[in-house]
Protein backbone atom coordinates (compact mmCIF):
# COMPACT_ATOMS: atom_id res chain seq x y z
CA MET A 1 -35.25 -4.89 11.21
CA LEU A 2 -35.49 -7.09 8.11
CA GLY A 3 -36.43 -10.55 8.47
CA THR A 4 -36.78 -13.54 6.00
CA GLN A 5 -40.54 -14.04 6.45
CA PHE A 6 -41.21 -11.88 3.08
CA THR A 7 -44.58 -10.59 2.39
CA LYS A 8 -45.65 -8.11 -0.36
CA GLY A 9 -43.33 -5.04 -0.41
CA SER A 10 -40.65 -6.59 1.74
CA PRO A 11 -36.95 -5.92 0.35
CA CYS A 12 -36.49 -9.87 -0.28
CA TRP A 13 -33.13 -9.93 -2.61
CA ILE A 14 -30.03 -7.77 -3.45
CA ASP A 15 -27.88 -8.04 -5.96
CA LEU A 16 -24.77 -5.98 -7.58
CA GLY A 17 -23.99 -5.17 -10.91
CA SER A 18 -20.35 -5.08 -11.65
CA PRO A 19 -18.08 -4.54 -14.61
CA ASP A 20 -15.67 -7.04 -12.95
CA THR A 21 -17.38 -9.89 -11.10
CA LYS A 22 -13.95 -11.33 -10.08
CA ALA A 23 -12.47 -8.27 -8.42
CA ALA A 24 -15.75 -7.13 -7.06
CA ALA A 25 -16.36 -10.79 -5.29
CA ALA A 26 -12.67 -10.66 -3.79
CA PHE A 27 -13.38 -7.14 -2.64
CA TYR A 28 -16.58 -8.29 -0.37
CA THR A 29 -14.87 -11.54 0.59
CA ALA A 30 -12.18 -9.38 2.07
CA VAL A 31 -14.30 -6.73 3.78
CA LEU A 32 -17.37 -8.88 4.93
CA GLY A 33 -16.11 -12.34 4.80
CA TRP A 34 -18.57 -13.58 2.07
CA GLU A 35 -17.78 -16.43 -0.12
CA PHE A 36 -18.82 -16.29 -3.98
CA SER A 37 -20.54 -19.54 -5.45
CA SER A 38 -21.14 -19.38 -9.11
CA GLY A 39 -24.44 -20.29 -10.61
CA GLY A 40 -22.92 -22.22 -13.34
CA PRO A 41 -22.56 -21.28 -16.98
CA GLU A 42 -26.16 -21.23 -17.60
CA ALA A 43 -26.46 -18.25 -15.03
CA GLY A 44 -24.34 -15.82 -17.44
CA GLY A 45 -21.91 -14.90 -14.94
CA TYR A 46 -24.53 -14.60 -12.01
CA GLY A 47 -23.78 -15.93 -8.48
CA PHE A 48 -24.46 -15.91 -5.12
CA PHE A 49 -22.56 -14.18 -1.71
CA GLN A 50 -22.74 -16.83 0.84
CA GLN A 51 -22.25 -16.76 4.67
CA ASP A 52 -21.90 -20.69 6.15
CA GLY A 53 -23.73 -21.80 3.04
CA HIS A 54 -26.71 -19.22 3.42
CA THR A 55 -27.31 -16.88 0.49
CA VAL A 56 -26.76 -13.28 1.84
CA ALA A 57 -26.66 -11.37 -1.74
CA ALA A 58 -25.64 -12.01 -5.27
CA LEU A 59 -23.39 -10.71 -7.94
CA GLY A 60 -23.46 -10.55 -11.79
CA PRO A 61 -22.02 -8.76 -14.80
CA LEU A 62 -23.82 -5.39 -15.92
CA THR A 63 -26.23 -6.14 -18.26
CA GLU A 64 -28.15 -2.61 -19.22
CA GLU A 65 -26.51 -0.21 -21.40
CA GLY A 66 -24.81 2.46 -19.90
CA ALA A 67 -25.51 1.01 -16.50
CA SER A 68 -23.33 1.69 -13.61
CA SER A 69 -21.94 -0.64 -11.00
CA ALA A 70 -24.55 -0.25 -8.04
CA TRP A 71 -26.45 -2.62 -5.67
CA THR A 72 -30.27 -3.27 -6.71
CA VAL A 73 -32.87 -3.97 -4.13
CA TYR A 74 -35.55 -6.38 -5.05
CA PHE A 75 -39.09 -6.12 -3.41
CA ARG A 76 -41.38 -8.90 -3.13
CA THR A 77 -44.51 -8.88 -5.11
CA PRO A 78 -46.96 -11.78 -5.83
CA ASP A 79 -47.40 -10.69 -9.64
CA ALA A 80 -44.54 -9.05 -11.18
CA ASP A 81 -46.31 -8.37 -14.37
CA ALA A 82 -49.07 -6.39 -12.56
CA THR A 83 -46.33 -4.49 -10.55
CA ALA A 84 -44.67 -3.63 -13.77
CA GLU A 85 -47.95 -2.05 -15.40
CA ASP A 86 -48.85 -0.53 -11.64
CA THR A 87 -45.28 1.05 -12.09
CA ALA A 88 -45.87 2.29 -15.60
CA SER A 89 -49.64 3.85 -14.73
CA ALA A 90 -48.19 5.53 -11.71
CA GLY A 91 -45.23 7.38 -13.56
CA GLY A 92 -42.45 5.14 -13.05
CA THR A 93 -40.41 3.16 -15.74
CA VAL A 94 -40.32 -0.32 -16.96
CA ARG A 95 -36.76 -0.71 -17.88
CA LEU A 96 -36.86 -4.47 -18.03
CA ALA A 97 -40.26 -6.20 -18.75
CA PRO A 98 -40.94 -8.97 -16.55
CA PHE A 99 -39.36 -12.38 -17.31
CA ASP A 100 -38.83 -15.76 -15.87
CA VAL A 101 -35.43 -16.61 -14.10
CA MET A 102 -35.66 -20.25 -14.89
CA GLU A 103 -37.82 -21.67 -11.82
CA ALA A 104 -36.27 -19.53 -9.37
CA GLY A 105 -39.09 -16.81 -9.77
CA ARG A 106 -40.14 -14.07 -12.26
CA MET A 107 -38.59 -10.29 -12.01
CA ALA A 108 -38.79 -6.92 -13.55
CA ALA A 109 -36.28 -4.02 -13.50
CA LEU A 110 -38.05 -0.71 -12.70
CA THR A 111 -37.52 2.86 -11.72
CA ASP A 112 -39.69 5.02 -9.63
CA PRO A 113 -40.94 8.66 -10.48
CA GLY A 114 -38.01 10.33 -8.57
CA GLY A 115 -35.31 8.49 -10.78
CA ALA A 116 -34.21 5.92 -8.19
CA GLN A 117 -33.89 2.19 -9.67
CA PHE A 118 -35.20 -1.01 -7.54
CA ALA A 119 -36.40 -4.49 -9.04
CA VAL A 120 -39.32 -6.62 -7.86
CA TRP A 121 -39.13 -10.46 -7.35
CA GLN A 122 -42.21 -12.84 -7.59
CA PRO A 123 -40.98 -15.94 -6.11
CA GLY A 124 -40.80 -19.69 -7.43
CA THR A 125 -38.37 -21.88 -5.97
CA THR A 126 -36.30 -18.77 -4.78
CA LYS A 127 -38.28 -17.25 -2.02
CA GLY A 128 -35.36 -14.58 -1.11
CA LEU A 129 -32.38 -14.21 0.94
CA ASP A 130 -31.36 -16.87 3.37
CA ARG A 131 -30.08 -14.52 6.22
CA THR A 132 -30.93 -10.72 7.25
CA SER A 133 -29.96 -8.62 10.19
CA SER A 134 -27.20 -10.67 11.54
CA THR A 135 -23.54 -9.68 11.15
CA ASN A 136 -22.42 -9.19 7.94
CA THR A 137 -25.88 -9.39 6.41
CA LEU A 138 -28.49 -7.06 4.91
CA VAL A 139 -30.27 -5.07 7.89
CA TRP A 140 -31.80 -2.19 6.26
CA VAL A 141 -32.74 -0.16 3.12
CA GLU A 142 -32.79 3.49 2.30
CA LEU A 143 -34.34 5.59 -0.47
CA HIS A 144 -32.88 8.96 -1.12
CA THR A 145 -34.96 11.08 -3.28
CA ALA A 146 -35.50 14.67 -4.10
CA ASP A 147 -39.35 14.16 -3.25
CA PRO A 148 -39.87 11.81 -0.43
CA GLU A 149 -43.60 12.56 -0.02
CA GLY A 150 -44.55 12.19 -3.94
CA THR A 151 -42.29 9.34 -4.41
CA LEU A 152 -43.45 7.43 -1.43
CA ALA A 153 -47.08 7.95 -2.60
CA PHE A 154 -45.78 6.06 -5.77
CA TYR A 155 -44.59 2.83 -3.42
CA ARG A 156 -47.64 2.86 -1.53
CA THR A 157 -49.69 2.44 -4.86
CA LEU A 158 -47.37 -0.71 -5.51
CA PHE A 159 -46.90 -2.29 -2.28
CA GLY A 160 -49.23 -0.30 0.34
CA TRP A 161 -46.30 0.78 2.44
CA ARG A 162 -46.60 2.42 5.63
CA SER A 163 -44.30 5.24 7.14
CA ALA A 164 -43.93 7.25 10.38
CA GLU A 165 -41.42 10.03 10.75
CA MET A 166 -38.63 10.12 13.30
CA ASP A 167 -36.05 12.61 14.54
CA ALA A 168 -32.93 12.63 12.69
CA PRO A 169 -29.86 14.83 12.49
CA GLY A 170 -30.50 17.49 9.89
CA MET A 171 -33.24 15.85 8.01
CA ARG A 172 -36.66 14.63 8.01
CA TYR A 173 -36.56 10.92 8.15
CA ARG A 174 -39.43 8.49 7.24
CA VAL A 175 -39.06 4.68 8.53
CA LEU A 176 -40.90 2.31 6.01
CA SER A 177 -43.05 -0.46 7.00
CA THR A 178 -44.86 -3.28 4.87
CA ALA A 179 -48.77 -2.93 4.96
CA ASP A 180 -49.37 -5.77 7.32
CA GLY A 181 -48.63 -6.37 10.95
CA ASP A 182 -47.21 -4.20 13.83
CA GLN A 183 -45.64 -1.31 12.12
CA GLN A 184 -42.78 -1.18 14.06
CA ASP A 185 -41.94 -4.99 13.69
CA ALA A 186 -42.60 -4.60 10.03
CA SER A 187 -40.28 -1.77 9.35
CA PHE A 188 -37.22 -2.38 6.68
CA GLY A 189 -35.90 0.69 5.70
CA GLY A 190 -36.34 4.51 5.39
CA ALA A 191 -36.62 7.39 3.09
CA ALA A 192 -35.07 10.87 3.33
CA GLU A 193 -34.55 13.77 0.96
CA LEU A 194 -31.66 13.71 -1.26
CA GLN A 195 -28.68 15.81 -0.06
CA ASP A 196 -26.03 14.98 -2.86
CA THR A 197 -27.58 15.83 -6.16
CA HIS A 198 -24.26 15.02 -7.77
CA GLN A 199 -25.06 10.97 -7.04
CA GLY A 200 -28.88 11.13 -7.83
CA PRO A 201 -31.83 9.32 -6.37
CA ARG A 202 -30.92 5.85 -5.34
CA TRP A 203 -31.70 3.13 -2.90
CA ILE A 204 -28.57 2.40 -0.61
CA VAL A 205 -28.37 -0.84 1.26
CA TYR A 206 -26.94 -1.38 4.87
CA PHE A 207 -25.14 -4.29 5.99
CA ALA A 208 -25.12 -5.06 9.84
CA VAL A 209 -21.42 -5.30 11.15
CA ALA A 210 -19.83 -5.68 14.48
CA ASP A 211 -17.08 -3.13 14.18
CA VAL A 212 -17.95 -0.36 11.59
CA ASP A 213 -14.36 1.35 11.97
CA ALA A 214 -12.82 -2.29 11.25
CA ILE A 215 -15.07 -2.30 8.10
CA VAL A 216 -13.90 1.19 6.93
CA THR A 217 -10.40 0.19 7.31
CA ALA A 218 -10.76 -3.02 5.32
CA ALA A 219 -12.68 -1.31 2.46
CA GLN A 220 -10.07 1.29 2.15
CA GLY A 221 -7.14 -1.34 2.17
CA ASN A 222 -9.02 -3.24 -0.48
CA GLY A 223 -9.60 -0.60 -2.98
CA GLY A 224 -12.69 0.93 -1.52
CA SER A 225 -13.54 4.55 -0.78
CA VAL A 226 -15.36 6.27 2.09
CA LEU A 227 -18.44 8.41 0.95
CA MET A 228 -19.46 9.20 4.80
CA PRO A 229 -17.01 8.79 7.56
CA ALA A 230 -18.12 6.77 10.23
CA ALA A 231 -20.41 8.51 12.56
CA ASP A 232 -22.61 7.66 15.89
CA ILE A 233 -26.48 8.56 15.04
CA PRO A 234 -28.43 8.52 18.52
CA ASP A 235 -30.88 5.70 18.81
CA VAL A 236 -29.77 4.27 15.69
CA GLY A 237 -26.07 3.22 15.86
CA ARG A 238 -22.56 3.84 14.18
CA ILE A 239 -22.87 4.10 10.65
CA ALA A 240 -20.70 4.73 7.48
CA TRP A 241 -20.90 5.09 3.68
CA LEU A 242 -18.69 2.97 1.57
CA ALA A 243 -17.96 2.36 -2.18
CA ASP A 244 -16.33 -0.73 -3.45
CA PRO A 245 -13.79 -0.48 -6.19
CA PHE A 246 -16.12 0.27 -8.94
CA ASP A 247 -17.99 2.96 -7.13
CA ALA A 248 -20.97 0.84 -5.83
CA ALA A 249 -22.35 2.38 -2.54
CA PHE A 250 -23.19 0.68 0.39
CA ALA A 251 -23.36 1.35 4.17
CA VAL A 252 -22.46 -0.35 7.22
CA LEU A 253 -24.28 -0.14 10.51
CA LYS A 254 -23.54 -1.33 14.14
CA PRO A 255 -27.02 -0.94 15.47
CA ALA A 256 -27.55 0.73 18.76
CA PRO A 257 -28.40 -1.47 21.85
CA MET A 258 -32.27 -2.02 22.15
CA SER A 259 -33.53 -0.41 25.14
């Protein structure tokens, strides 16, 4: 599961782009109990979702032309400029060239060859999220793409990721790990073949929760919708896919007890 000792290729940040940040903040506050803290006038409407004063995610207005509301996963890089160059040479797209976010760090917005959008973060004063893998925080990220093997080859070029296949109902699932350390301990996400071509390739964020069904009910009661009903996955846990009122998809997971 995810930690906060971020290394190259680790998911280290997530943010939500929304057409209505006030309403989006209200939704996630009601559903996940977060508090929203504005970054101030100089942040252009960007701010931070917090839990007991610890940053667990971020939120800002949509900035790219034609963009739809969505969660973006940021992966740690020691050199955002080099990663952007590698992205272009490996068949991906640089949507937003590397730039400094004040003294916090340097970022770039990218798209992999399969069409899934992501970002990279070169840390400055901000290393990444303060909390992960605890209740109502990020616990897993998952790539859904038409060509998992080909797309993972791209990410291996960028980050040196490792992958291992595991049994999953109705699909071939690959567990992803960073380049260093014990492969299982370094796992942070997964990759699967795209099932819903209408939605297109994308990264999905998973939040750990204590009660999946209660979260589903809260999401529906606050203007959200259910994309995949709650279900038990053997050796994984209980999961559901949801969308906020502006159709940004996310998932919730109550992990199965460790054996």
